[in-house]
Amino acid sequence: MLGCQHISASSYHPQANGIVERFHRHLKASLIAHMHSAGVNWTTALPLVLLGIRTALKEDINCSATEMLYGSVLRLPADFFLGDVTSSCSDPTAFVEALRIAMRLLATKLYRLSASGL
């Protein structure tokens, strides 16, 4: 009726579902990376990791999965707090100067942490 064909795969041969297994490999690597960096368990990290995967730009089709599904770019949580980021970065020299100041402050904080023995 819908033009779909059901394909069954053996549970002992997961390579038969190549696309799904490739996604699971990517999901697992992303979860491990987020768990190590944030120090949380996988159930806490899963929503944020899935948000990242769904909003990531796919180079071969030049859009994200959410753009294909909804037809527009998904607004991330930071967009609600920061507003329109593109308008604040319209002047490249101001952006570079702000970036230099932020990096200088970051280096100072890192030096203080390493000097205190933490």
PDB file of N, CA and C in Angstrom:
ATOM      1  N   MET A   1       0.807  -1.183   0.000  1.00  0.00           N
ATOM      2  CA  MET A   1       0.000   0.000   0.000  1.00  0.00           C
ATOM      3  C   MET A   1       0.866   1.269   0.000  1.00  0.00           C
ATOM      4  N   LEU A   2       1.866   1.347   0.880  1.00  0.00           N
ATOM      5  CA  LEU A   2       2.732   2.522   0.948  1.00  0.00           C
ATOM      6  C   LEU A   2       3.984   2.389   0.089  1.00  0.00           C
ATOM      7  N   GLY A   3       4.186   1.242  -0.494  1.00  0.00           N
ATOM      8  CA  GLY A   3       5.366   1.037  -1.315  1.00  0.00           C
ATOM      9  C   GLY A   3       6.590   0.653  -0.510  1.00  0.00           C
ATOM     10  N   CYS A   4       6.392   0.233   0.736  1.00  0.00           N
ATOM     11  CA  CYS A   4       7.501  -0.180   1.598  1.00  0.00           C
ATOM     12  C   CYS A   4       7.620  -1.691   1.562  1.00  0.00           C
ATOM     13  N   GLN A   5       8.842  -2.158   1.662  1.00  0.00           N
ATOM     14  CA  GLN A   5       9.068  -3.588   1.679  1.00  0.00           C
ATOM     15  C   GLN A   5       9.802  -3.931   2.968  1.00  0.00           C
ATOM     16  N   HIS A   6       9.283  -4.873   3.747  1.00  0.00           N
ATOM     17  CA  HIS A   6       9.887  -5.274   5.010  1.00  0.00           C
ATOM     18  C   HIS A   6      11.044  -6.218   4.725  1.00  0.00           C
ATOM     19  N   ILE A   7      12.199  -5.895   5.269  1.00  0.00           N
ATOM     20  CA  ILE A   7      13.372  -6.749   5.129  1.00  0.00           C
ATOM     21  C   ILE A   7      13.760  -7.201   6.524  1.00  0.00           C
ATOM     22  N   SER A   8      13.815  -8.508   6.733  1.00  0.00           N
ATOM     23  CA  SER A   8      14.201  -9.013   8.050  1.00  0.00           C
ATOM     24  C   SER A   8      15.681  -9.368   8.036  1.00  0.00           C
ATOM     25  N   ALA A   9      16.328  -9.098   9.164  1.00  0.00           N
ATOM     26  CA  ALA A   9      17.746  -9.398   9.308  1.00  0.00           C
ATOM     27  C   ALA A   9      17.928 -10.264  10.543  1.00  0.00           C
ATOM     28  N   SER A  10      18.914 -11.099  10.496  1.00  0.00           N
ATOM     29  CA  SER A  10      19.195 -11.976  11.616  1.00  0.00           C
ATOM     30  C   SER A  10      19.769 -11.175  12.779  1.00  0.00           C
ATOM     31  N   SER A  11      19.340 -11.510  13.981  1.00  0.00           N
ATOM     32  CA  SER A  11      19.880 -10.819  15.151  1.00  0.00           C
ATOM     33  C   SER A  11      21.326 -11.217  15.411  1.00  0.00           C
ATOM     34  N   TYR A  12      21.770 -12.324  14.826  1.00  0.00           N
ATOM     35  CA  TYR A  12      23.147 -12.762  14.993  1.00  0.00           C
ATOM     36  C   TYR A  12      24.066 -12.211  13.909  1.00  0.00           C
ATOM     37  N   HIS A  13      23.501 -11.470  12.977  1.00  0.00           N
ATOM     38  CA  HIS A  13      24.302 -10.897  11.889  1.00  0.00           C
ATOM     39  C   HIS A  13      23.913  -9.426  11.721  1.00  0.00           C
ATOM     40  N   PRO A  14      24.382  -8.550  12.637  1.00  0.00           N
ATOM     41  CA  PRO A  14      23.962  -7.140  12.590  1.00  0.00           C
ATOM     42  C   PRO A  14      24.499  -6.382  11.378  1.00  0.00           C
ATOM     43  N   GLN A  15      25.491  -6.931  10.680  1.00  0.00           N
ATOM     44  CA  GLN A  15      26.030  -6.254   9.505  1.00  0.00           C
ATOM     45  C   GLN A  15      25.004  -6.161   8.385  1.00  0.00           C
ATOM     46  N   ALA A  16      23.938  -6.954   8.463  1.00  0.00           N
ATOM     47  CA  ALA A  16      22.893  -6.889   7.445  1.00  0.00           C
ATOM     48  C   ALA A  16      22.179  -5.543   7.480  1.00  0.00           C
ATOM     49  N   ASN A  17      22.143  -4.901   8.633  1.00  0.00           N
ATOM     50  CA  ASN A  17      21.566  -3.564   8.773  1.00  0.00           C
ATOM     51  C   ASN A  17      22.700  -2.543   8.781  1.00  0.00           C
ATOM     52  N   GLY A  18      23.396  -2.413   7.679  1.00  0.00           N
ATOM     53  CA  GLY A  18      24.596  -1.588   7.606  1.00  0.00           C
ATOM     54  C   GLY A  18      24.392  -0.135   7.980  1.00  0.00           C
ATOM     55  N   ILE A  19      23.339   0.492   7.481  1.00  0.00           N
ATOM     56  CA  ILE A  19      23.112   1.915   7.745  1.00  0.00           C
ATOM     57  C   ILE A  19      22.799   2.133   9.223  1.00  0.00           C
ATOM     58  N   VAL A  20      21.986   1.249   9.794  1.00  0.00           N
ATOM     59  CA  VAL A  20      21.636   1.381  11.210  1.00  0.00           C
ATOM     60  C   VAL A  20      22.864   1.153  12.078  1.00  0.00           C
ATOM     61  N   GLU A  21      23.672   0.159  11.733  1.00  0.00           N
ATOM     62  CA  GLU A  21      24.875  -0.116  12.514  1.00  0.00           C
ATOM     63  C   GLU A  21      25.877   1.028  12.411  1.00  0.00           C
ATOM     64  N   ARG A  22      25.966   1.656  11.261  1.00  0.00           N
ATOM     65  CA  ARG A  22      26.856   2.810  11.099  1.00  0.00           C
ATOM     66  C   ARG A  22      26.395   3.962  11.983  1.00  0.00           C
ATOM     67  N   PHE A  23      25.080   4.187  12.054  1.00  0.00           N
ATOM     68  CA  PHE A  23      24.547   5.219  12.940  1.00  0.00           C
ATOM     69  C   PHE A  23      24.812   4.871  14.399  1.00  0.00           C
ATOM     70  N   HIS A  24      24.644   3.597  14.761  1.00  0.00           N
ATOM     71  CA  HIS A  24      24.893   3.184  16.142  1.00  0.00           C
ATOM     72  C   HIS A  24      26.359   3.400  16.519  1.00  0.00           C
ATOM     73  N   ARG A  25      27.278   3.162  15.583  1.00  0.00           N
ATOM     74  CA  ARG A  25      28.698   3.399  15.839  1.00  0.00           C
ATOM     75  C   ARG A  25      28.946   4.879  16.102  1.00  0.00           C
ATOM     76  N   HIS A  26      28.345   5.736  15.285  1.00  0.00           N
ATOM     77  CA  HIS A  26      28.482   7.189  15.453  1.00  0.00           C
ATOM     78  C   HIS A  26      27.855   7.638  16.771  1.00  0.00           C
ATOM     79  N   LEU A  27      26.687   7.106  17.101  1.00  0.00           N
ATOM     80  CA  LEU A  27      26.001   7.446  18.347  1.00  0.00           C
ATOM     81  C   LEU A  27      26.824   7.015  19.557  1.00  0.00           C
ATOM     82  N   LYS A  28      27.378   5.819  19.498  1.00  0.00           N
ATOM     83  CA  LYS A  28      28.173   5.311  20.614  1.00  0.00           C
ATOM     84  C   LYS A  28      29.426   6.152  20.821  1.00  0.00           C
ATOM     85  N   ALA A  29      30.117   6.509  19.741  1.00  0.00           N
ATOM     86  CA  ALA A  29      31.318   7.339  19.862  1.00  0.00           C
ATOM     87  C   ALA A  29      30.982   8.715  20.419  1.00  0.00           C
ATOM     88  N   SER A  30      29.870   9.279  19.989  1.00  0.00           N
ATOM     89  CA  SER A  30      29.459  10.595  20.486  1.00  0.00           C
ATOM     90  C   SER A  30      29.076  10.533  21.957  1.00  0.00           C
ATOM     91  N   LEU A  31      28.377   9.484  22.353  1.00  0.00           N
ATOM     92  CA  LEU A  31      28.000   9.330  23.761  1.00  0.00           C
ATOM     93  C   LEU A  31      29.229   9.172  24.649  1.00  0.00           C
ATOM     94  N   ILE A  32      30.184   8.369  24.208  1.00  0.00           N
ATOM     95  CA  ILE A  32      31.401   8.168  24.994  1.00  0.00           C
ATOM     96  C   ILE A  32      32.167   9.472  25.131  1.00  0.00           C
ATOM     97  N   ALA A  33      32.286  10.217  24.042  1.00  0.00           N
ATOM     98  CA  ALA A  33      33.005  11.492  24.098  1.00  0.00           C
ATOM     99  C   ALA A  33      32.314  12.473  25.034  1.00  0.00           C
ATOM    100  N   HIS A  34      30.995  12.541  24.977  1.00  0.00           N
ATOM    101  CA  HIS A  34      30.265  13.479  25.838  1.00  0.00           C
ATOM    102  C   HIS A  34      30.308  13.031  27.296  1.00  0.00           C
ATOM    103  N   MET A  35      30.238  11.724  27.531  1.00  0.00           N
ATOM    104  CA  MET A  35      30.276  11.226  28.899  1.00  0.00           C
ATOM    105  C   MET A  35      31.624  11.510  29.549  1.00  0.00           C
ATOM    106  N   HIS A  36      32.711  11.375  28.785  1.00  0.00           N
ATOM    107  CA  HIS A  36      34.038  11.645  29.340  1.00  0.00           C
ATOM    108  C   HIS A  36      34.246  13.132  29.588  1.00  0.00           C
ATOM    109  N   SER A  37      33.745  13.972  28.691  1.00  0.00           N
ATOM    110  CA  SER A  37      33.972  15.412  28.858  1.00  0.00           C
ATOM    111  C   SER A  37      33.064  16.016  29.925  1.00  0.00           C
ATOM    112  N   ALA A  38      31.826  15.546  30.033  1.00  0.00           N
ATOM    113  CA  ALA A  38      30.881  16.137  30.979  1.00  0.00           C
ATOM    114  C   ALA A  38      30.772  15.349  32.279  1.00  0.00           C
ATOM    115  N   GLY A  39      31.247  14.116  32.285  1.00  0.00           N
ATOM    116  CA  GLY A  39      31.186  13.304  33.491  1.00  0.00           C
ATOM    117  C   GLY A  39      29.782  12.887  33.883  1.00  0.00           C
ATOM    118  N   VAL A  40      28.952  12.567  32.900  1.00  0.00           N
ATOM    119  CA  VAL A  40      27.574  12.146  33.165  1.00  0.00           C
ATOM    120  C   VAL A  40      27.362  10.749  32.602  1.00  0.00           C
ATOM    121  N   ASN A  41      26.251  10.111  32.980  1.00  0.00           N
ATOM    122  CA  ASN A  41      25.959   8.795  32.418  1.00  0.00           C
ATOM    123  C   ASN A  41      25.285   8.951  31.050  1.00  0.00           C
ATOM    124  N   TRP A  42      25.147   7.847  30.338  1.00  0.00           N
ATOM    125  CA  TRP A  42      24.686   7.930  28.950  1.00  0.00           C
ATOM    126  C   TRP A  42      23.228   8.361  28.843  1.00  0.00           C
ATOM    127  N   THR A  43      22.400   8.053  29.830  1.00  0.00           N
ATOM    128  CA  THR A  43      20.995   8.453  29.748  1.00  0.00           C
ATOM    129  C   THR A  43      20.832   9.965  29.873  1.00  0.00           C
ATOM    130  N   THR A  44      21.730  10.600  30.600  1.00  0.00           N
ATOM    131  CA  THR A  44      21.702  12.057  30.710  1.00  0.00           C
ATOM    132  C   THR A  44      22.264  12.701  29.446  1.00  0.00           C
ATOM    133  N   ALA A  45      23.274  12.075  28.850  1.00  0.00           N
ATOM    134  CA  ALA A  45      23.937  12.638  27.676  1.00  0.00           C
ATOM    135  C   ALA A  45      23.156  12.413  26.384  1.00  0.00           C
ATOM    136  N   LEU A  46      22.279  11.420  26.346  1.00  0.00           N
ATOM    137  CA  LEU A  46      21.598  11.041  25.102  1.00  0.00           C
ATOM    138  C   LEU A  46      20.821  12.174  24.429  1.00  0.00           C
ATOM    139  N   PRO A  47      19.987  12.952  25.122  1.00  0.00           N
ATOM    140  CA  PRO A  47      19.252  14.013  24.419  1.00  0.00           C
ATOM    141  C   PRO A  47      20.158  15.054  23.765  1.00  0.00           C
ATOM    142  N   LEU A  48      21.222  15.442  24.447  1.00  0.00           N
ATOM    143  CA  LEU A  48      22.130  16.438  23.889  1.00  0.00           C
ATOM    144  C   LEU A  48      22.914  15.884  22.703  1.00  0.00           C
ATOM    145  N   VAL A  49      23.326  14.626  22.793  1.00  0.00           N
ATOM    146  CA  VAL A  49      24.054  13.997  21.687  1.00  0.00           C
ATOM    147  C   VAL A  49      23.145  13.849  20.472  1.00  0.00           C
ATOM    148  N   LEU A  50      21.907  13.434  20.679  1.00  0.00           N
ATOM    149  CA  LEU A  50      20.967  13.310  19.556  1.00  0.00           C
ATOM    150  C   LEU A  50      20.665  14.662  18.928  1.00  0.00           C
ATOM    151  N   LEU A  51      20.572  15.708  19.744  1.00  0.00           N
ATOM    152  CA  LEU A  51      20.378  17.052  19.205  1.00  0.00           C
ATOM    153  C   LEU A  51      21.551  17.439  18.309  1.00  0.00           C
ATOM    154  N   GLY A  52      22.752  17.133  18.751  1.00  0.00           N
ATOM    155  CA  GLY A  52      23.935  17.432  17.949  1.00  0.00           C
ATOM    156  C   GLY A  52      23.971  16.658  16.645  1.00  0.00           C
ATOM    157  N   ILE A  53      23.614  15.385  16.693  1.00  0.00           N
ATOM    158  CA  ILE A  53      23.611  14.559  15.481  1.00  0.00           C
ATOM    159  C   ILE A  53      22.538  15.035  14.508  1.00  0.00           C
ATOM    160  N   ARG A  54      21.376  15.361  15.032  1.00  0.00           N
ATOM    161  CA  ARG A  54      20.265  15.773  14.162  1.00  0.00           C
ATOM    162  C   ARG A  54      20.471  17.147  13.539  1.00  0.00           C
ATOM    163  N   THR A  55      21.239  18.015  14.193  1.00  0.00           N
ATOM    164  CA  THR A  55      21.460  19.361  13.657  1.00  0.00           C
ATOM    165  C   THR A  55      22.780  19.492  12.921  1.00  0.00           C
ATOM    166  N   ALA A  56      23.583  18.431  12.887  1.00  0.00           N
ATOM    167  CA  ALA A  56      24.873  18.483  12.195  1.00  0.00           C
ATOM    168  C   ALA A  56      24.655  18.548  10.687  1.00  0.00           C
ATOM    169  N   LEU A  57      25.440  19.370  10.031  1.00  0.00           N
ATOM    170  CA  LEU A  57      25.345  19.527   8.582  1.00  0.00           C
ATOM    171  C   LEU A  57      25.947  18.313   7.893  1.00  0.00           C
ATOM    172  N   LYS A  58      25.196  17.703   7.017  1.00  0.00           N
ATOM    173  CA  LYS A  58      25.684  16.566   6.240  1.00  0.00           C
ATOM    174  C   LYS A  58      26.232  17.107   4.926  1.00  0.00           C
ATOM    175  N   GLU A  59      27.527  16.899   4.709  1.00  0.00           N
ATOM    176  CA  GLU A  59      28.208  17.523   3.579  1.00  0.00           C
ATOM    177  C   GLU A  59      27.705  17.025   2.229  1.00  0.00           C
ATOM    178  N   ASP A  60      27.321  15.749   2.147  1.00  0.00           N
ATOM    179  CA  ASP A  60      26.913  15.217   0.852  1.00  0.00           C
ATOM    180  C   ASP A  60      25.585  15.790   0.368  1.00  0.00           C
ATOM    181  N   ILE A  61      24.688  16.142   1.290  1.00  0.00           N
ATOM    182  CA  ILE A  61      23.400  16.717   0.885  1.00  0.00           C
ATOM    183  C   ILE A  61      23.291  18.198   1.237  1.00  0.00           C
ATOM    184  N   ASN A  62      24.299  18.721   1.918  1.00  0.00           N
ATOM    185  CA  ASN A  62      24.405  20.145   2.270  1.00  0.00           C
ATOM    186  C   ASN A  62      23.226  20.641   3.118  1.00  0.00           C
ATOM    187  N   CYS A  63      22.735  19.794   4.008  1.00  0.00           N
ATOM    188  CA  CYS A  63      21.720  20.207   4.979  1.00  0.00           C
ATOM    189  C   CYS A  63      21.729  19.198   6.123  1.00  0.00           C
ATOM    190  N   SER A  64      21.003  19.500   7.177  1.00  0.00           N
ATOM    191  CA  SER A  64      20.941  18.598   8.324  1.00  0.00           C
ATOM    192  C   SER A  64      19.702  17.711   8.228  1.00  0.00           C
ATOM    193  N   ALA A  65      19.644  16.720   9.104  1.00  0.00           N
ATOM    194  CA  ALA A  65      18.485  15.825   9.114  1.00  0.00           C
ATOM    195  C   ALA A  65      17.213  16.584   9.490  1.00  0.00           C
ATOM    196  N   THR A  66      17.316  17.538  10.398  1.00  0.00           N
ATOM    197  CA  THR A  66      16.131  18.312  10.777  1.00  0.00           C
ATOM    198  C   THR A  66      15.668  19.227   9.656  1.00  0.00           C
ATOM    199  N   GLU A  67      16.610  19.733   8.854  1.00  0.00           N
ATOM    200  CA  GLU A  67      16.212  20.555   7.707  1.00  0.00           C
ATOM    201  C   GLU A  67      15.440  19.726   6.697  1.00  0.00           C
ATOM    202  N   MET A  68      15.853  18.479   6.503  1.00  0.00           N
ATOM    203  CA  MET A  68      15.133  17.617   5.570  1.00  0.00           C
ATOM    204  C   MET A  68      13.757  17.252   6.112  1.00  0.00           C
ATOM    205  N   LEU A  69      13.662  17.055   7.418  1.00  0.00           N
ATOM    206  CA  LEU A  69      12.398  16.638   8.016  1.00  0.00           C
ATOM    207  C   LEU A  69      11.411  17.792   8.145  1.00  0.00           C
ATOM    208  N   TYR A  70      11.873  18.935   8.663  1.00  0.00           N
ATOM    209  CA  TYR A  70      10.980  20.056   8.943  1.00  0.00           C
ATOM    210  C   TYR A  70      11.027  21.165   7.898  1.00  0.00           C
ATOM    211  N   GLY A  71      12.031  21.171   7.047  1.00  0.00           N
ATOM    212  CA  GLY A  71      12.127  22.194   6.015  1.00  0.00           C
ATOM    213  C   GLY A  71      12.735  23.498   6.478  1.00  0.00           C
ATOM    214  N   SER A  72      13.204  23.561   7.717  1.00  0.00           N
ATOM    215  CA  SER A  72      13.862  24.766   8.222  1.00  0.00           C
ATOM    216  C   SER A  72      14.932  24.361   9.230  1.00  0.00           C
ATOM    217  N   VAL A  73      15.789  25.305   9.560  1.00  0.00           N
ATOM    218  CA  VAL A  73      16.872  25.044  10.500  1.00  0.00           C
ATOM    219  C   VAL A  73      16.304  24.981  11.914  1.00  0.00           C
ATOM    220  N   LEU A  74      16.727  23.996  12.671  1.00  0.00           N
ATOM    221  CA  LEU A  74      16.274  23.842  14.044  1.00  0.00           C
ATOM    222  C   LEU A  74      16.961  24.870  14.935  1.00  0.00           C
ATOM    223  N   ARG A  75      16.189  25.526  15.771  1.00  0.00           N
ATOM    224  CA  ARG A  75      16.770  26.491  16.711  1.00  0.00           C
ATOM    225  C   ARG A  75      17.323  25.737  17.906  1.00  0.00           C
ATOM    226  N   LEU A  76      18.565  26.000  18.214  1.00  0.00           N
ATOM    227  CA  LEU A  76      19.223  25.353  19.339  1.00  0.00           C
ATOM    228  C   LEU A  76      18.920  26.102  20.631  1.00  0.00           C
ATOM    229  N   PRO A  77      19.111  25.464  21.780  1.00  0.00           N
ATOM    230  CA  PRO A  77      18.835  26.149  23.052  1.00  0.00           C
ATOM    231  C   PRO A  77      19.609  27.454  23.218  1.00  0.00           C
ATOM    232  N   ALA A  78      20.820  27.527  22.712  1.00  0.00           N
ATOM    233  CA  ALA A  78      21.606  28.762  22.831  1.00  0.00           C
ATOM    234  C   ALA A  78      20.966  29.907  22.056  1.00  0.00           C
ATOM    235  N   ASP A  79      20.236  29.607  20.995  1.00  0.00           N
ATOM    236  CA  ASP A  79      19.579  30.652  20.206  1.00  0.00           C
ATOM    237  C   ASP A  79      18.526  31.400  21.018  1.00  0.00           C
ATOM    238  N   PHE A  80      17.910  30.720  21.959  1.00  0.00           N
ATOM    239  CA  PHE A  80      16.890  31.363  22.780  1.00  0.00           C
ATOM    240  C   PHE A  80      17.504  32.339  23.780  1.00  0.00           C
ATOM    241  N   PHE A  81      18.718  32.026  24.239  1.00  0.00           N
ATOM    242  CA  PHE A  81      19.370  32.876  25.233  1.00  0.00           C
ATOM    243  C   PHE A  81      20.223  33.961  24.602  1.00  0.00           C
ATOM    244  N   LEU A  82      20.894  33.628  23.502  1.00  0.00           N
ATOM    245  CA  LEU A  82      21.813  34.576  22.875  1.00  0.00           C
ATOM    246  C   LEU A  82      21.160  35.426  21.809  1.00  0.00           C
ATOM    247  N   GLY A  83      20.016  35.016  21.315  1.00  0.00           N
ATOM    248  CA  GLY A  83      19.365  35.755  20.240  1.00  0.00           C
ATOM    249  C   GLY A  83      20.026  35.450  18.909  1.00  0.00           C
ATOM    250  N   ASP A  84      19.965  36.391  17.993  1.00  0.00           N
ATOM    251  CA  ASP A  84      20.540  36.222  16.663  1.00  0.00           C
ATOM    252  C   ASP A  84      22.038  36.477  16.732  1.00  0.00           C
ATOM    253  N   VAL A  85      22.826  35.411  16.639  1.00  0.00           N
ATOM    254  CA  VAL A  85      24.276  35.517  16.767  1.00  0.00           C
ATOM    255  C   VAL A  85      24.892  36.132  15.518  1.00  0.00           C
ATOM    256  N   THR A  86      24.289  35.941  14.364  1.00  0.00           N
ATOM    257  CA  THR A  86      24.891  36.432  13.126  1.00  0.00           C
ATOM    258  C   THR A  86      24.947  37.948  13.084  1.00  0.00           C
ATOM    259  N   SER A  87      23.978  38.632  13.690  1.00  0.00           N
ATOM    260  CA  SER A  87      23.994  40.087  13.653  1.00  0.00           C
ATOM    261  C   SER A  87      25.086  40.665  14.547  1.00  0.00           C
ATOM    262  N   SER A  88      25.431  39.967  15.637  1.00  0.00           N
ATOM    263  CA  SER A  88      26.465  40.475  16.532  1.00  0.00           C
ATOM    264  C   SER A  88      27.863  40.246  15.976  1.00  0.00           C
ATOM    265  N   CYS A  89      28.012  39.365  15.000  1.00  0.00           N
ATOM    266  CA  CYS A  89      29.323  39.063  14.434  1.00  0.00           C
ATOM    267  C   CYS A  89      29.482  39.664  13.042  1.00  0.00           C
ATOM    268  N   SER A  90      28.778  40.736  12.747  1.00  0.00           N
ATOM    269  CA  SER A  90      28.852  41.299  11.406  1.00  0.00           C
ATOM    270  C   SER A  90      30.169  42.022  11.163  1.00  0.00           C
ATOM    271  N   ASP A  91      30.813  42.543  12.214  1.00  0.00           N
ATOM    272  CA  ASP A  91      32.089  43.233  12.068  1.00  0.00           C
ATOM    273  C   ASP A  91      33.216  42.256  12.405  1.00  0.00           C
ATOM    274  N   PRO A  92      33.989  41.810  11.414  1.00  0.00           N
ATOM    275  CA  PRO A  92      35.028  40.808  11.671  1.00  0.00           C
ATOM    276  C   PRO A  92      36.115  41.288  12.629  1.00  0.00           C
ATOM    277  N   THR A  93      36.485  42.563  12.566  1.00  0.00           N
ATOM    278  CA  THR A  93      37.553  43.038  13.449  1.00  0.00           C
ATOM    279  C   THR A  93      37.100  43.046  14.905  1.00  0.00           C
ATOM    280  N   ALA A  94      35.846  43.404  15.153  1.00  0.00           N
ATOM    281  CA  ALA A  94      35.329  43.374  16.521  1.00  0.00           C
ATOM    282  C   ALA A  94      35.250  41.941  17.035  1.00  0.00           C
ATOM    283  N   PHE A  95      34.882  41.021  16.149  1.00  0.00           N
ATOM    284  CA  PHE A  95      34.817  39.615  16.539  1.00  0.00           C
ATOM    285  C   PHE A  95      36.195  39.087  16.903  1.00  0.00           C
ATOM    286  N   VAL A  96      37.194  39.404  16.085  1.00  0.00           N
ATOM    287  CA  VAL A  96      38.560  38.942  16.348  1.00  0.00           C
ATOM    288  C   VAL A  96      39.074  39.519  17.659  1.00  0.00           C
ATOM    289  N   GLU A  97      38.802  40.783  17.912  1.00  0.00           N
ATOM    290  CA  GLU A  97      39.251  41.406  19.160  1.00  0.00           C
ATOM    291  C   GLU A  97      38.570  40.770  20.372  1.00  0.00           C
ATOM    292  N   ALA A  98      37.273  40.510  20.270  1.00  0.00           N
ATOM    293  CA  ALA A  98      36.554  39.849  21.365  1.00  0.00           C
ATOM    294  C   ALA A  98      37.073  38.431  21.583  1.00  0.00           C
ATOM    295  N   LEU A  99      37.413  37.749  20.504  1.00  0.00           N
ATOM    296  CA  LEU A  99      37.966  36.403  20.609  1.00  0.00           C
ATOM    297  C   LEU A  99      39.330  36.424  21.284  1.00  0.00           C
ATOM    298  N   ARG A 100      40.167  37.400  20.937  1.00  0.00           N
ATOM    299  CA  ARG A 100      41.489  37.519  21.572  1.00  0.00           C
ATOM    300  C   ARG A 100      41.359  37.757  23.076  1.00  0.00           C
ATOM    301  N   ILE A 101      40.441  38.620  23.462  1.00  0.00           N
ATOM    302  CA  ILE A 101      40.239  38.906  24.886  1.00  0.00           C
ATOM    303  C   ILE A 101      39.756  37.652  25.615  1.00  0.00           C
ATOM    304  N   ALA A 102      38.815  36.940  25.006  1.00  0.00           N
ATOM    305  CA  ALA A 102      38.292  35.719  25.622  1.00  0.00           C
ATOM    306  C   ALA A 102      39.381  34.667  25.761  1.00  0.00           C
ATOM    307  N   MET A 103      40.226  34.514  24.754  1.00  0.00           N
ATOM    308  CA  MET A 103      41.310  33.532  24.815  1.00  0.00           C
ATOM    309  C   MET A 103      42.343  33.923  25.868  1.00  0.00           C
ATOM    310  N   ARG A 104      42.615  35.215  25.993  1.00  0.00           N
ATOM    311  CA  ARG A 104      43.555  35.693  27.004  1.00  0.00           C
ATOM    312  C   ARG A 104      43.026  35.387  28.408  1.00  0.00           C
ATOM    313  N   LEU A 105      41.743  35.634  28.630  1.00  0.00           N
ATOM    314  CA  LEU A 105      41.139  35.336  29.928  1.00  0.00           C
ATOM    315  C   LEU A 105      41.138  33.839  30.211  1.00  0.00           C
ATOM    316  N   LEU A 106      40.886  33.049  29.183  1.00  0.00           N
ATOM    317  CA  LEU A 106      40.887  31.603  29.339  1.00  0.00           C
ATOM    318  C   LEU A 106      42.277  31.105  29.703  1.00  0.00           C
ATOM    319  N   ALA A 107      43.302  31.614  29.025  1.00  0.00           N
ATOM    320  CA  ALA A 107      44.674  31.205  29.321  1.00  0.00           C
ATOM    321  C   ALA A 107      45.051  31.579  30.751  1.00  0.00           C
ATOM    322  N   THR A 108      44.605  32.739  31.223  1.00  0.00           N
ATOM    323  CA  THR A 108      44.885  33.165  32.592  1.00  0.00           C
ATOM    324  C   THR A 108      44.231  32.223  33.593  1.00  0.00           C
ATOM    325  N   LYS A 109      42.987  31.844  33.332  1.00  0.00           N
ATOM    326  CA  LYS A 109      42.283  30.936  34.237  1.00  0.00           C
ATOM    327  C   LYS A 109      42.942  29.565  34.255  1.00  0.00           C
ATOM    328  N   LEU A 110      43.360  29.073  33.080  1.00  0.00           N
ATOM    329  CA  LEU A 110      44.017  27.772  33.022  1.00  0.00           C
ATOM    330  C   LEU A 110      45.343  27.800  33.760  1.00  0.00           C
ATOM    331  N   TYR A 111      46.089  28.902  33.642  1.00  0.00           N
ATOM    332  CA  TYR A 111      47.369  29.017  34.332  1.00  0.00           C
ATOM    333  C   TYR A 111      47.153  29.018  35.843  1.00  0.00           C
ATOM    334  N   ARG A 112      46.132  29.723  36.309  1.00  0.00           N
ATOM    335  CA  ARG A 112      45.842  29.765  37.748  1.00  0.00           C
ATOM    336  C   ARG A 112      45.465  28.384  38.268  1.00  0.00           C
ATOM    337  N   LEU A 113      44.681  27.636  37.482  1.00  0.00           N
ATOM    338  CA  LEU A 113      44.290  26.295  37.908  1.00  0.00           C
ATOM    339  C   LEU A 113      45.488  25.362  37.962  1.00  0.00           C
ATOM    340  N   SER A 114      46.383  25.431  36.978  1.00  0.00           N
ATOM    341  CA  SER A 114      47.544  24.543  36.980  1.00  0.00           C
ATOM    342  C   SER A 114      48.541  24.947  38.059  1.00  0.00           C
ATOM    343  N   ALA A 115      48.641  26.231  38.372  1.00  0.00           N
ATOM    344  CA  ALA A 115      49.565  26.693  39.405  1.00  0.00           C
ATOM    345  C   ALA A 115      49.081  26.323  40.801  1.00  0.00           C
ATOM    346  N   SER A 116      47.774  26.201  40.977  1.00  0.00           N
ATOM    347  CA  SER A 116      47.245  25.875  42.302  1.00  0.00           C
ATOM    348  C   SER A 116      47.285  24.378  42.587  1.00  0.00           C
ATOM    349  N   GLY A 117      47.647  23.572  41.579  1.00  0.00           N
ATOM    350  CA  GLY A 117      47.791  22.136  41.797  1.00  0.00           C
ATOM    351  C   GLY A 117      46.513  21.347  41.652  1.00  0.00           C
ATOM    352  N   LEU A 118      45.503  21.905  41.022  1.00  0.00           N
ATOM    353  CA  LEU A 118      44.248  21.179  40.811  1.00  0.00           C
ATOM    354  C   LEU A 118      44.322  20.275  39.628  1.00  0.00           C
TER     355      LEU A 118
END
